[in-house]
Amino acid sequence: MKAIDIRWRDLDAYAHVNQAVYLTYGEEVLDAWFIERVGRWDYVARRTTIEYRSELTLEDGRAIGTVELVGLGTTSLTTKTTLAAPDGRVAAEIENVVVVIDGKGGGARPITAEERAALSA
């Protein structure tokens, strides 16, 4: 779980968190989840889908994010990130497919057995 403070600059003209900011929040939550499990990790997004459930506003104070592993392939994985208000109201569900890369500008690399175990824990 990761809490992200909602900032005034995150809001749109309707005084709720702009839809593009939900993606930024989701990236922060996903990065924290990877660091917790496998350390700093090099990856790129293959696909991202967002289901908006309810608005977040400045009055909510924070977005609370959680991640769960949905699927694990050879070089990619699928996760579901849930963003919620502190009262538990779900604001968005984000599905990410990410590809692990070698970090040196090259292509995809296989997910190691150790990484698989850590991600599945």
PDB file of N, CA and C in Angstrom:
ATOM      1  N   MET A   1       0.844  -1.178   0.000  1.00  0.00           N
ATOM      2  CA  MET A   1       0.000   0.000   0.000  1.00  0.00           C
ATOM      3  C   MET A   1       0.889   1.241   0.000  1.00  0.00           C
ATOM      4  N   LYS A   2       0.483   2.222  -0.789  1.00  0.00           N
ATOM      5  CA  LYS A   2       1.194   3.493  -0.845  1.00  0.00           C
ATOM      6  C   LYS A   2       0.166   4.613  -0.830  1.00  0.00           C
ATOM      7  N   ALA A   3       0.421   5.616  -0.003  1.00  0.00           N
ATOM      8  CA  ALA A   3      -0.439   6.799   0.058  1.00  0.00           C
ATOM      9  C   ALA A   3       0.238   7.937  -0.703  1.00  0.00           C
ATOM     10  N   ILE A   4      -0.547   8.635  -1.505  1.00  0.00           N
ATOM     11  CA  ILE A   4      -0.051   9.764  -2.295  1.00  0.00           C
ATOM     12  C   ILE A   4      -0.882  10.987  -1.945  1.00  0.00           C
ATOM     13  N   ASP A   5      -0.220  12.055  -1.527  1.00  0.00           N
ATOM     14  CA  ASP A   5      -0.932  13.290  -1.225  1.00  0.00           C
ATOM     15  C   ASP A   5      -1.520  13.882  -2.497  1.00  0.00           C
ATOM     16  N   ILE A   6      -2.768  14.299  -2.421  1.00  0.00           N
ATOM     17  CA  ILE A   6      -3.413  14.980  -3.547  1.00  0.00           C
ATOM     18  C   ILE A   6      -3.029  16.453  -3.461  1.00  0.00           C
ATOM     19  N   ARG A   7      -2.467  16.958  -4.534  1.00  0.00           N
ATOM     20  CA  ARG A   7      -2.003  18.344  -4.581  1.00  0.00           C
ATOM     21  C   ARG A   7      -2.980  19.187  -5.403  1.00  0.00           C
ATOM     22  N   TRP A   8      -3.008  20.465  -5.099  1.00  0.00           N
ATOM     23  CA  TRP A   8      -3.886  21.371  -5.823  1.00  0.00           C
ATOM     24  C   TRP A   8      -3.639  21.293  -7.318  1.00  0.00           C
ATOM     25  N   ARG A   9      -2.384  21.167  -7.727  1.00  0.00           N
ATOM     26  CA  ARG A   9      -2.054  21.125  -9.159  1.00  0.00           C
ATOM     27  C   ARG A   9      -2.572  19.853  -9.848  1.00  0.00           C
ATOM     28  N   ASP A  10      -2.984  18.850  -9.073  1.00  0.00           N
ATOM     29  CA  ASP A  10      -3.526  17.608  -9.642  1.00  0.00           C
ATOM     30  C   ASP A  10      -4.970  17.763 -10.118  1.00  0.00           C
ATOM     31  N   LEU A  11      -5.591  18.866  -9.752  1.00  0.00           N
ATOM     32  CA  LEU A  11      -7.016  19.057 -10.022  1.00  0.00           C
ATOM     33  C   LEU A  11      -7.262  19.674 -11.392  1.00  0.00           C
ATOM     34  N   ASP A  12      -8.439  19.391 -11.939  1.00  0.00           N
ATOM     35  CA  ASP A  12      -8.849  20.019 -13.196  1.00  0.00           C
ATOM     36  C   ASP A  12      -9.866  21.121 -12.907  1.00  0.00           C
ATOM     37  N   ALA A  13     -10.457  21.660 -13.928  1.00  0.00           N
ATOM     38  CA  ALA A  13     -11.394  22.775 -13.776  1.00  0.00           C
ATOM     39  C   ALA A  13     -12.643  22.402 -12.982  1.00  0.00           C
ATOM     40  N   TYR A  14     -12.928  21.113 -12.828  1.00  0.00           N
ATOM     41  CA  TYR A  14     -14.089  20.662 -12.071  1.00  0.00           C
ATOM     42  C   TYR A  14     -13.759  20.358 -10.620  1.00  0.00           C
ATOM     43  N   ALA A  15     -12.514  20.670 -10.219  1.00  0.00           N
ATOM     44  CA  ALA A  15     -12.036  20.497  -8.837  1.00  0.00           C
ATOM     45  C   ALA A  15     -11.911  19.036  -8.420  1.00  0.00           C
ATOM     46  N   HIS A  16     -11.764  18.136  -9.391  1.00  0.00           N
ATOM     47  CA  HIS A  16     -11.417  16.761  -9.034  1.00  0.00           C
ATOM     48  C   HIS A  16     -10.107  16.400  -9.727  1.00  0.00           C
ATOM     49  N   VAL A  17      -9.488  15.344  -9.262  1.00  0.00           N
ATOM     50  CA  VAL A  17      -8.202  14.925  -9.813  1.00  0.00           C
ATOM     51  C   VAL A  17      -8.381  14.633 -11.299  1.00  0.00           C
ATOM     52  N   ASN A  18      -7.537  15.238 -12.115  1.00  0.00           N
ATOM     53  CA  ASN A  18      -7.592  15.062 -13.561  1.00  0.00           C
ATOM     54  C   ASN A  18      -7.334  13.610 -13.921  1.00  0.00           C
ATOM     55  N   GLN A  19      -7.999  13.137 -14.967  1.00  0.00           N
ATOM     56  CA  GLN A  19      -7.874  11.720 -15.337  1.00  0.00           C
ATOM     57  C   GLN A  19      -6.432  11.313 -15.645  1.00  0.00           C
ATOM     58  N   ALA A  20      -5.631  12.185 -16.213  1.00  0.00           N
ATOM     59  CA  ALA A  20      -4.240  11.841 -16.517  1.00  0.00           C
ATOM     60  C   ALA A  20      -3.418  11.649 -15.245  1.00  0.00           C
ATOM     61  N   VAL A  21      -3.802  12.329 -14.175  1.00  0.00           N
ATOM     62  CA  VAL A  21      -3.073  12.226 -12.914  1.00  0.00           C
ATOM     63  C   VAL A  21      -3.274  10.841 -12.282  1.00  0.00           C
ATOM     64  N   TYR A  22      -4.425  10.229 -12.531  1.00  0.00           N
ATOM     65  CA  TYR A  22      -4.643   8.878 -12.026  1.00  0.00           C
ATOM     66  C   TYR A  22      -3.531   7.944 -12.532  1.00  0.00           C
ATOM     67  N   LEU A  23      -3.125   8.117 -13.784  1.00  0.00           N
ATOM     68  CA  LEU A  23      -2.048   7.298 -14.340  1.00  0.00           C
ATOM     69  C   LEU A  23      -0.731   7.565 -13.611  1.00  0.00           C
ATOM     70  N   THR A  24      -0.443   8.827 -13.319  1.00  0.00           N
ATOM     71  CA  THR A  24       0.767   9.160 -12.569  1.00  0.00           C
ATOM     72  C   THR A  24       0.728   8.527 -11.184  1.00  0.00           C
ATOM     73  N   TYR A  25      -0.405   8.629 -10.513  1.00  0.00           N
ATOM     74  CA  TYR A  25      -0.543   7.978  -9.205  1.00  0.00           C
ATOM     75  C   TYR A  25      -0.301   6.470  -9.335  1.00  0.00           C
ATOM     76  N   GLY A  26      -0.903   5.875 -10.357  1.00  0.00           N
ATOM     77  CA  GLY A  26      -0.734   4.436 -10.568  1.00  0.00           C
ATOM     78  C   GLY A  26       0.709   4.049 -10.804  1.00  0.00           C
ATOM     79  N   GLU A  27       1.450   4.863 -11.546  1.00  0.00           N
ATOM     80  CA  GLU A  27       2.870   4.586 -11.791  1.00  0.00           C
ATOM     81  C   GLU A  27       3.664   4.652 -10.492  1.00  0.00           C
ATOM     82  N   GLU A  28       3.360   5.632  -9.644  1.00  0.00           N
ATOM     83  CA  GLU A  28       4.054   5.748  -8.359  1.00  0.00           C
ATOM     84  C   GLU A  28       3.799   4.519  -7.487  1.00  0.00           C
ATOM     85  N   VAL A  29       2.558   4.070  -7.468  1.00  0.00           N
ATOM     86  CA  VAL A  29       2.194   2.899  -6.664  1.00  0.00           C
ATOM     87  C   VAL A  29       2.880   1.648  -7.213  1.00  0.00           C
ATOM     88  N   LEU A  30       2.865   1.476  -8.532  1.00  0.00           N
ATOM     89  CA  LEU A  30       3.497   0.309  -9.146  1.00  0.00           C
ATOM     90  C   LEU A  30       5.009   0.311  -8.914  1.00  0.00           C
ATOM     91  N   ASP A  31       5.660   1.458  -9.065  1.00  0.00           N
ATOM     92  CA  ASP A  31       7.100   1.545  -8.802  1.00  0.00           C
ATOM     93  C   ASP A  31       7.416   1.141  -7.362  1.00  0.00           C
ATOM     94  N   ALA A  32       6.626   1.627  -6.405  1.00  0.00           N
ATOM     95  CA  ALA A  32       6.844   1.286  -4.994  1.00  0.00           C
ATOM     96  C   ALA A  32       6.665  -0.211  -4.770  1.00  0.00           C
ATOM     97  N   TRP A  33       5.689  -0.814  -5.450  1.00  0.00           N
ATOM     98  CA  TRP A  33       5.436  -2.251  -5.315  1.00  0.00           C
ATOM     99  C   TRP A  33       6.623  -3.057  -5.842  1.00  0.00           C
ATOM    100  N   PHE A  34       7.151  -2.644  -7.014  1.00  0.00           N
ATOM    101  CA  PHE A  34       8.329  -3.329  -7.557  1.00  0.00           C
ATOM    102  C   PHE A  34       9.519  -3.190  -6.620  1.00  0.00           C
ATOM    103  N   ILE A  35       9.782  -2.003  -6.126  1.00  0.00           N
ATOM    104  CA  ILE A  35      10.923  -1.773  -5.235  1.00  0.00           C
ATOM    105  C   ILE A  35      10.807  -2.644  -3.991  1.00  0.00           C
ATOM    106  N   GLU A  36       9.620  -2.759  -3.449  1.00  0.00           N
ATOM    107  CA  GLU A  36       9.385  -3.583  -2.262  1.00  0.00           C
ATOM    108  C   GLU A  36       9.686  -5.057  -2.531  1.00  0.00           C
ATOM    109  N   ARG A  37       9.402  -5.509  -3.739  1.00  0.00           N
ATOM    110  CA  ARG A  37       9.552  -6.932  -4.046  1.00  0.00           C
ATOM    111  C   ARG A  37      10.884  -7.308  -4.699  1.00  0.00           C
ATOM    112  N   VAL A  38      11.306  -6.537  -5.690  1.00  0.00           N
ATOM    113  CA  VAL A  38      12.503  -6.932  -6.452  1.00  0.00           C
ATOM    114  C   VAL A  38      13.569  -5.839  -6.514  1.00  0.00           C
ATOM    115  N   GLY A  39      13.368  -4.738  -5.834  1.00  0.00           N
ATOM    116  CA  GLY A  39      14.307  -3.625  -5.918  1.00  0.00           C
ATOM    117  C   GLY A  39      14.032  -2.785  -7.153  1.00  0.00           C
ATOM    118  N   ARG A  40      14.949  -1.914  -7.469  1.00  0.00           N
ATOM    119  CA  ARG A  40      14.801  -1.047  -8.646  1.00  0.00           C
ATOM    120  C   ARG A  40      14.757  -1.941  -9.878  1.00  0.00           C
ATOM    121  N   TRP A  41      13.779  -1.712 -10.750  1.00  0.00           N
ATOM    122  CA  TRP A  41      13.547  -2.615 -11.874  1.00  0.00           C
ATOM    123  C   TRP A  41      13.382  -1.823 -13.141  1.00  0.00           C
ATOM    124  N   ASP A  42      13.960  -2.287 -14.228  1.00  0.00           N
ATOM    125  CA  ASP A  42      13.813  -1.627 -15.521  1.00  0.00           C
ATOM    126  C   ASP A  42      12.679  -2.305 -16.290  1.00  0.00           C
ATOM    127  N   TYR A  43      11.691  -1.503 -16.639  1.00  0.00           N
ATOM    128  CA  TYR A  43      10.548  -2.036 -17.386  1.00  0.00           C
ATOM    129  C   TYR A  43       9.935  -0.930 -18.229  1.00  0.00           C
ATOM    130  N   VAL A  44       9.168  -1.341 -19.215  1.00  0.00           N
ATOM    131  CA  VAL A  44       8.398  -0.404 -20.037  1.00  0.00           C
ATOM    132  C   VAL A  44       6.950  -0.880 -20.076  1.00  0.00           C
ATOM    133  N   ALA A  45       6.059   0.070 -20.258  1.00  0.00           N
ATOM    134  CA  ALA A  45       4.639  -0.261 -20.341  1.00  0.00           C
ATOM    135  C   ALA A  45       4.314  -0.783 -21.730  1.00  0.00           C
ATOM    136  N   ARG A  46       3.568  -1.863 -21.779  1.00  0.00           N
ATOM    137  CA  ARG A  46       3.054  -2.380 -23.052  1.00  0.00           C
ATOM    138  C   ARG A  46       1.604  -1.953 -23.239  1.00  0.00           C
ATOM    139  N   ARG A  47       0.836  -2.013 -22.142  1.00  0.00           N
ATOM    140  CA  ARG A  47      -0.581  -1.641 -22.229  1.00  0.00           C
ATOM    141  C   ARG A  47      -1.051  -1.182 -20.853  1.00  0.00           C
ATOM    142  N   THR A  48      -1.871  -0.145 -20.850  1.00  0.00           N
ATOM    143  CA  THR A  48      -2.467   0.373 -19.621  1.00  0.00           C
ATOM    144  C   THR A  48      -3.929   0.679 -19.888  1.00  0.00           C
ATOM    145  N   THR A  49      -4.792   0.179 -19.029  1.00  0.00           N
ATOM    146  CA  THR A  49      -6.210   0.517 -19.116  1.00  0.00           C
ATOM    147  C   THR A  49      -6.666   1.016 -17.746  1.00  0.00           C
ATOM    148  N   ILE A  50      -7.525   2.016 -17.769  1.00  0.00           N
ATOM    149  CA  ILE A  50      -8.016   2.596 -16.525  1.00  0.00           C
ATOM    150  C   ILE A  50      -9.543   2.574 -16.530  1.00  0.00           C
ATOM    151  N   GLU A  51     -10.096   2.043 -15.463  1.00  0.00           N
ATOM    152  CA  GLU A  51     -11.541   2.098 -15.223  1.00  0.00           C
ATOM    153  C   GLU A  51     -11.736   3.121 -14.112  1.00  0.00           C
ATOM    154  N   TYR A  52     -12.359   4.259 -14.455  1.00  0.00           N
ATOM    155  CA  TYR A  52     -12.625   5.296 -13.467  1.00  0.00           C
ATOM    156  C   TYR A  52     -13.910   4.939 -12.722  1.00  0.00           C
ATOM    157  N   ARG A  53     -13.823   4.868 -11.399  1.00  0.00           N
ATOM    158  CA  ARG A  53     -14.976   4.468 -10.587  1.00  0.00           C
ATOM    159  C   ARG A  53     -15.628   5.647  -9.865  1.00  0.00           C
ATOM    160  N   SER A  54     -14.822   6.542  -9.321  1.00  0.00           N
ATOM    161  CA  SER A  54     -15.353   7.728  -8.639  1.00  0.00           C
ATOM    162  C   SER A  54     -14.268   8.784  -8.595  1.00  0.00           C
ATOM    163  N   GLU A  55     -14.672  10.004  -8.327  1.00  0.00           N
ATOM    164  CA  GLU A  55     -13.700  11.089  -8.344  1.00  0.00           C
ATOM    165  C   GLU A  55     -12.928  11.179  -7.036  1.00  0.00           C
ATOM    166  N   LEU A  56     -11.703  11.676  -7.157  1.00  0.00           N
ATOM    167  CA  LEU A  56     -10.916  12.074  -6.002  1.00  0.00           C
ATOM    168  C   LEU A  56     -10.868  13.595  -6.014  1.00  0.00           C
ATOM    169  N   THR A  57     -10.950  14.196  -4.843  1.00  0.00           N
ATOM    170  CA  THR A  57     -10.893  15.646  -4.733  1.00  0.00           C
ATOM    171  C   THR A  57      -9.836  16.028  -3.707  1.00  0.00           C
ATOM    172  N   LEU A  58      -9.530  17.304  -3.645  1.00  0.00           N
ATOM    173  CA  LEU A  58      -8.563  17.801  -2.678  1.00  0.00           C
ATOM    174  C   LEU A  58      -9.002  17.470  -1.248  1.00  0.00           C
ATOM    175  N   GLU A  59     -10.295  17.455  -1.027  1.00  0.00           N
ATOM    176  CA  GLU A  59     -10.821  17.145   0.303  1.00  0.00           C
ATOM    177  C   GLU A  59     -10.512  15.708   0.730  1.00  0.00           C
ATOM    178  N   ASP A  60     -10.304  14.809  -0.223  1.00  0.00           N
ATOM    179  CA  ASP A  60      -9.930  13.434   0.130  1.00  0.00           C
ATOM    180  C   ASP A  60      -8.543  13.393   0.767  1.00  0.00           C
ATOM    181  N   GLY A  61      -7.705  14.340   0.420  1.00  0.00           N
ATOM    182  CA  GLY A  61      -6.386  14.431   1.038  1.00  0.00           C
ATOM    183  C   GLY A  61      -5.336  13.534   0.434  1.00  0.00           C
ATOM    184  N   ARG A  62      -5.669  12.259   0.272  1.00  0.00           N
ATOM    185  CA  ARG A  62      -4.714  11.298  -0.268  1.00  0.00           C
ATOM    186  C   ARG A  62      -5.413  10.268  -1.131  1.00  0.00           C
ATOM    187  N   ALA A  63      -4.634   9.721  -2.047  1.00  0.00           N
ATOM    188  CA  ALA A  63      -5.053   8.541  -2.800  1.00  0.00           C
ATOM    189  C   ALA A  63      -4.281   7.373  -2.203  1.00  0.00           C
ATOM    190  N   ILE A  64      -4.969   6.292  -1.941  1.00  0.00           N
ATOM    191  CA  ILE A  64      -4.348   5.095  -1.378  1.00  0.00           C
ATOM    192  C   ILE A  64      -4.281   4.051  -2.493  1.00  0.00           C
ATOM    193  N   GLY A  65      -3.068   3.575  -2.798  1.00  0.00           N
ATOM    194  CA  GLY A  65      -2.889   2.629  -3.895  1.00  0.00           C
ATOM    195  C   GLY A  65      -2.411   1.269  -3.430  1.00  0.00           C
ATOM    196  N   THR A  66      -2.964   0.239  -4.043  1.00  0.00           N
ATOM    197  CA  THR A  66      -2.519  -1.130  -3.807  1.00  0.00           C
ATOM    198  C   THR A  66      -2.333  -1.819  -5.156  1.00  0.00           C
ATOM    199  N   VAL A  67      -1.468  -2.825  -5.174  1.00  0.00           N
ATOM    200  CA  VAL A  67      -1.172  -3.562  -6.409  1.00  0.00           C
ATOM    201  C   VAL A  67      -1.337  -5.052  -6.144  1.00  0.00           C
ATOM    202  N   GLU A  68      -1.885  -5.743  -7.129  1.00  0.00           N
ATOM    203  CA  GLU A  68      -1.904  -7.209  -7.075  1.00  0.00           C
ATOM    204  C   GLU A  68      -1.419  -7.751  -8.411  1.00  0.00           C
ATOM    205  N   LEU A  69      -0.735  -8.858  -8.340  1.00  0.00           N
ATOM    206  CA  LEU A  69      -0.253  -9.533  -9.546  1.00  0.00           C
ATOM    207  C   LEU A  69      -1.412 -10.292 -10.174  1.00  0.00           C
ATOM    208  N   VAL A  70      -1.631 -10.085 -11.467  1.00  0.00           N
ATOM    209  CA  VAL A  70      -2.707 -10.757 -12.189  1.00  0.00           C
ATOM    210  C   VAL A  70      -2.149 -11.904 -13.022  1.00  0.00           C
ATOM    211  N   GLY A  71      -1.015 -11.691 -13.671  1.00  0.00           N
ATOM    212  CA  GLY A  71      -0.426 -12.723 -14.518  1.00  0.00           C
ATOM    213  C   GLY A  71       1.066 -12.515 -14.681  1.00  0.00           C
ATOM    214  N   LEU A  72       1.756 -13.608 -14.942  1.00  0.00           N
ATOM    215  CA  LEU A  72       3.204 -13.579 -15.073  1.00  0.00           C
ATOM    216  C   LEU A  72       3.600 -14.373 -16.305  1.00  0.00           C
ATOM    217  N   GLY A  73       4.197 -13.670 -17.285  1.00  0.00           N
ATOM    218  CA  GLY A  73       4.644 -14.318 -18.507  1.00  0.00           C
ATOM    219  C   GLY A  73       6.138 -14.554 -18.478  1.00  0.00           C
ATOM    220  N   THR A  74       6.727 -14.755 -19.639  1.00  0.00           N
ATOM    221  CA  THR A  74       8.164 -14.992 -19.738  1.00  0.00           C
ATOM    222  C   THR A  74       8.956 -13.712 -19.550  1.00  0.00           C
ATOM    223  N   THR A  75       8.533 -12.646 -20.228  1.00  0.00           N
ATOM    224  CA  THR A  75       9.230 -11.358 -20.144  1.00  0.00           C
ATOM    225  C   THR A  75       8.319 -10.235 -19.668  1.00  0.00           C
ATOM    226  N   SER A  76       7.059 -10.537 -19.427  1.00  0.00           N
ATOM    227  CA  SER A  76       6.102  -9.494 -19.038  1.00  0.00           C
ATOM    228  C   SER A  76       5.237  -9.967 -17.881  1.00  0.00           C
ATOM    229  N   LEU A  77       4.558  -9.009 -17.285  1.00  0.00           N
ATOM    230  CA  LEU A  77       3.611  -9.339 -16.242  1.00  0.00           C
ATOM    231  C   LEU A  77       2.450  -8.371 -16.294  1.00  0.00           C
ATOM    232  N   THR A  78       1.327  -8.802 -15.720  1.00  0.00           N
ATOM    233  CA  THR A  78       0.122  -7.988 -15.660  1.00  0.00           C
ATOM    234  C   THR A  78      -0.205  -7.736 -14.200  1.00  0.00           C
ATOM    235  N   THR A  79      -0.487  -6.472 -13.892  1.00  0.00           N
ATOM    236  CA  THR A  79      -0.855  -6.104 -12.535  1.00  0.00           C
ATOM    237  C   THR A  79      -2.165  -5.327 -12.543  1.00  0.00           C
ATOM    238  N   LYS A  80      -2.810  -5.293 -11.388  1.00  0.00           N
ATOM    239  CA  LYS A  80      -3.992  -4.473 -11.188  1.00  0.00           C
ATOM    240  C   LYS A  80      -3.683  -3.537 -10.028  1.00  0.00           C
ATOM    241  N   THR A  81      -3.735  -2.242 -10.304  1.00  0.00           N
ATOM    242  CA  THR A  81      -3.535  -1.227  -9.276  1.00  0.00           C
ATOM    243  C   THR A  81      -4.891  -0.627  -8.949  1.00  0.00           C
ATOM    244  N   THR A  82      -5.215  -0.576  -7.672  1.00  0.00           N
ATOM    245  CA  THR A  82      -6.450   0.049  -7.223  1.00  0.00           C
ATOM    246  C   THR A  82      -6.102   1.337  -6.502  1.00  0.00           C
ATOM    247  N   LEU A  83      -6.731   2.427  -6.928  1.00  0.00           N
ATOM    248  CA  LEU A  83      -6.589   3.715  -6.251  1.00  0.00           C
ATOM    249  C   LEU A  83      -7.893   3.988  -5.517  1.00  0.00           C
ATOM    250  N   ALA A  84      -7.782   4.348  -4.242  1.00  0.00           N
ATOM    251  CA  ALA A  84      -8.975   4.585  -3.433  1.00  0.00           C
ATOM    252  C   ALA A  84      -8.801   5.843  -2.593  1.00  0.00           C
ATOM    253  N   ALA A  85      -9.916   6.375  -2.140  1.00  0.00           N
ATOM    254  CA  ALA A  85      -9.910   7.466  -1.172  1.00  0.00           C
ATOM    255  C   ALA A  85      -9.612   6.868   0.203  1.00  0.00           C
ATOM    256  N   PRO A  86      -9.194   7.678   1.171  1.00  0.00           N
ATOM    257  CA  PRO A  86      -8.919   7.146   2.511  1.00  0.00           C
ATOM    258  C   PRO A  86     -10.115   6.447   3.158  1.00  0.00           C
ATOM    259  N   ASP A  87     -11.332   6.780   2.744  1.00  0.00           N
ATOM    260  CA  ASP A  87     -12.514   6.117   3.308  1.00  0.00           C
ATOM    261  C   ASP A  87     -12.794   4.758   2.662  1.00  0.00           C
ATOM    262  N   GLY A  88     -11.933   4.345   1.714  1.00  0.00           N
ATOM    263  CA  GLY A  88     -12.088   3.047   1.067  1.00  0.00           C
ATOM    264  C   GLY A  88     -12.825   3.082  -0.256  1.00  0.00           C
ATOM    265  N   ARG A  89     -13.414   4.211  -0.607  1.00  0.00           N
ATOM    266  CA  ARG A  89     -14.122   4.334  -1.881  1.00  0.00           C
ATOM    267  C   ARG A  89     -13.139   4.176  -3.035  1.00  0.00           C
ATOM    268  N   VAL A  90     -13.405   3.227  -3.923  1.00  0.00           N
ATOM    269  CA  VAL A  90     -12.509   2.986  -5.061  1.00  0.00           C
ATOM    270  C   VAL A  90     -12.687   4.101  -6.084  1.00  0.00           C
ATOM    271  N   ALA A  91     -11.552   4.710  -6.468  1.00  0.00           N
ATOM    272  CA  ALA A  91     -11.569   5.796  -7.446  1.00  0.00           C
ATOM    273  C   ALA A  91     -11.231   5.292  -8.839  1.00  0.00           C
ATOM    274  N   ALA A  92     -10.308   4.336  -8.929  1.00  0.00           N
ATOM    275  CA  ALA A  92      -9.908   3.817 -10.245  1.00  0.00           C
ATOM    276  C   ALA A  92      -9.252   2.462 -10.093  1.00  0.00           C
ATOM    277  N   GLU A  93      -9.379   1.660 -11.144  1.00  0.00           N
ATOM    278  CA  GLU A  93      -8.676   0.386 -11.247  1.00  0.00           C
ATOM    279  C   GLU A  93      -7.861   0.442 -12.527  1.00  0.00           C
ATOM    280  N   ILE A  94      -6.579   0.173 -12.393  1.00  0.00           N
ATOM    281  CA  ILE A  94      -5.651   0.289 -13.517  1.00  0.00           C
ATOM    282  C   ILE A  94      -5.032  -1.075 -13.781  1.00  0.00           C
ATOM    283  N   GLU A  95      -5.163  -1.556 -15.016  1.00  0.00           N
ATOM    284  CA  GLU A  95      -4.480  -2.788 -15.394  1.00  0.00           C
ATOM    285  C   GLU A  95      -3.261  -2.407 -16.227  1.00  0.00           C
ATOM    286  N   ASN A  96      -2.113  -2.917 -15.824  1.00  0.00           N
ATOM    287  CA  ASN A  96      -0.852  -2.655 -16.524  1.00  0.00           C
ATOM    288  C   ASN A  96      -0.258  -3.955 -17.024  1.00  0.00           C
ATOM    289  N   VAL A  97       0.181  -3.942 -18.263  1.00  0.00           N
ATOM    290  CA  VAL A  97       1.048  -4.998 -18.768  1.00  0.00           C
ATOM    291  C   VAL A  97       2.395  -4.324 -18.979  1.00  0.00           C
ATOM    292  N   VAL A  98       3.416  -4.823 -18.288  1.00  0.00           N
ATOM    293  CA  VAL A  98       4.750  -4.249 -18.412  1.00  0.00           C
ATOM    294  C   VAL A  98       5.737  -5.325 -18.857  1.00  0.00           C
ATOM    295  N   VAL A  99       6.746  -4.887 -19.585  1.00  0.00           N
ATOM    296  CA  VAL A  99       7.786  -5.770 -20.095  1.00  0.00           C
ATOM    297  C   VAL A  99       9.083  -5.421 -19.387  1.00  0.00           C
ATOM    298  N   VAL A 100       9.746  -6.435 -18.875  1.00  0.00           N
ATOM    299  CA  VAL A 100      11.031  -6.237 -18.202  1.00  0.00           C
ATOM    300  C   VAL A 100      12.106  -6.092 -19.274  1.00  0.00           C
ATOM    301  N   ILE A 101      12.962  -5.084 -19.106  1.00  0.00           N
ATOM    302  CA  ILE A 101      14.036  -4.843 -20.079  1.00  0.00           C
ATOM    303  C   ILE A 101      15.382  -4.918 -19.390  1.00  0.00           C
ATOM    304  N   ASP A 102      16.435  -4.997 -20.191  1.00  0.00           N
ATOM    305  CA  ASP A 102      17.775  -5.124 -19.615  1.00  0.00           C
ATOM    306  C   ASP A 102      18.311  -3.816 -19.051  1.00  0.00           C
ATOM    307  N   GLY A 103      17.661  -2.705 -19.311  1.00  0.00           N
ATOM    308  CA  GLY A 103      18.067  -1.431 -18.746  1.00  0.00           C
ATOM    309  C   GLY A 103      19.216  -0.745 -19.452  1.00  0.00           C
ATOM    310  N   LYS A 104      19.695  -1.316 -20.510  1.00  0.00           N
ATOM    311  CA  LYS A 104      20.818  -0.742 -21.250  1.00  0.00           C
ATOM    312  C   LYS A 104      20.393  -0.345 -22.661  1.00  0.00           C
ATOM    313  N   GLY A 105      19.108  -0.102 -22.830  1.00  0.00           N
ATOM    314  CA  GLY A 105      18.608   0.283 -24.139  1.00  0.00           C
ATOM    315  C   GLY A 105      18.225  -0.889 -25.019  1.00  0.00           C
ATOM    316  N   GLY A 106      18.386  -2.079 -24.488  1.00  0.00           N
ATOM    317  CA  GLY A 106      18.060  -3.274 -25.256  1.00  0.00           C
ATOM    318  C   GLY A 106      16.607  -3.675 -25.100  1.00  0.00           C
ATOM    319  N   GLY A 107      16.321  -4.861 -25.553  1.00  0.00           N
ATOM    320  CA  GLY A 107      14.957  -5.352 -25.544  1.00  0.00           C
ATOM    321  C   GLY A 107      14.578  -6.058 -24.262  1.00  0.00           C
ATOM    322  N   ALA A 108      13.529  -6.832 -24.379  1.00  0.00           N
ATOM    323  CA  ALA A 108      12.990  -7.573 -23.243  1.00  0.00           C
ATOM    324  C   ALA A 108      13.978  -8.632 -22.778  1.00  0.00           C
ATOM    325  N   ARG A 109      13.886  -8.938 -21.500  1.00  0.00           N
ATOM    326  CA  ARG A 109      14.682 -10.019 -20.928  1.00  0.00           C
ATOM    327  C   ARG A 109      13.760 -10.917 -20.112  1.00  0.00           C
ATOM    328  N   PRO A 110      14.136 -12.166 -19.949  1.00  0.00           N
ATOM    329  CA  PRO A 110      13.291 -13.073 -19.167  1.00  0.00           C
ATOM    330  C   PRO A 110      13.236 -12.661 -17.686  1.00  0.00           C
ATOM    331  N   ILE A 111      12.108 -12.900 -17.069  1.00  0.00           N
ATOM    332  CA  ILE A 111      11.962 -12.709 -15.629  1.00  0.00           C
ATOM    333  C   ILE A 111      12.627 -13.897 -14.953  1.00  0.00           C
ATOM    334  N   THR A 112      13.535 -13.647 -14.013  1.00  0.00           N
ATOM    335  CA  THR A 112      14.283 -14.719 -13.363  1.00  0.00           C
ATOM    336  C   THR A 112      13.394 -15.483 -12.371  1.00  0.00           C
ATOM    337  N   ALA A 113      13.857 -16.663 -11.983  1.00  0.00           N
ATOM    338  CA  ALA A 113      13.126 -17.473 -10.999  1.00  0.00           C
ATOM    339  C   ALA A 113      13.017 -16.718  -9.671  1.00  0.00           C
ATOM    340  N   GLU A 114      14.066 -16.028  -9.280  1.00  0.00           N
ATOM    341  CA  GLU A 114      14.039 -15.272  -8.030  1.00  0.00           C
ATOM    342  C   GLU A 114      13.024 -14.127  -8.096  1.00  0.00           C
ATOM    343  N   GLU A 115      12.987 -13.452  -9.242  1.00  0.00           N
ATOM    344  CA  GLU A 115      12.007 -12.362  -9.425  1.00  0.00           C
ATOM    345  C   GLU A 115      10.586 -12.909  -9.408  1.00  0.00           C
ATOM    346  N   ARG A 116      10.385 -14.056 -10.054  1.00  0.00           N
ATOM    347  CA  ARG A 116       9.061 -14.682 -10.074  1.00  0.00           C
ATOM    348  C   ARG A 116       8.578 -14.984  -8.649  1.00  0.00           C
ATOM    349  N   ALA A 117       9.465 -15.543  -7.843  1.00  0.00           N
ATOM    350  CA  ALA A 117       9.120 -15.872  -6.468  1.00  0.00           C
ATOM    351  C   ALA A 117       8.783 -14.615  -5.673  1.00  0.00           C
ATOM    352  N   ALA A 118       9.578 -13.561  -5.836  1.00  0.00           N
ATOM    353  CA  ALA A 118       9.360 -12.313  -5.108  1.00  0.00           C
ATOM    354  C   ALA A 118       8.066 -11.627  -5.542  1.00  0.00           C
ATOM    355  N   LEU A 119       7.791 -11.645  -6.830  1.00  0.00           N
ATOM    356  CA  LEU A 119       6.585 -11.006  -7.334  1.00  0.00           C
ATOM    357  C   LEU A 119       5.327 -11.761  -6.911  1.00  0.00           C
ATOM    358  N   SER A 120       5.419 -13.049  -6.809  1.00  0.00           N
ATOM    359  CA  SER A 120       4.266 -13.879  -6.470  1.00  0.00           C
ATOM    360  C   SER A 120       3.983 -13.921  -4.976  1.00  0.00           C
ATOM    361  N   ALA A 121       4.947 -13.484  -4.159  1.00  0.00           N
ATOM    362  CA  ALA A 121       4.809 -13.550  -2.695  1.00  0.00           C
ATOM    363  C   ALA A 121       3.714 -12.634  -2.194  1.00  0.00           C
TER     364      ALA A 121
END
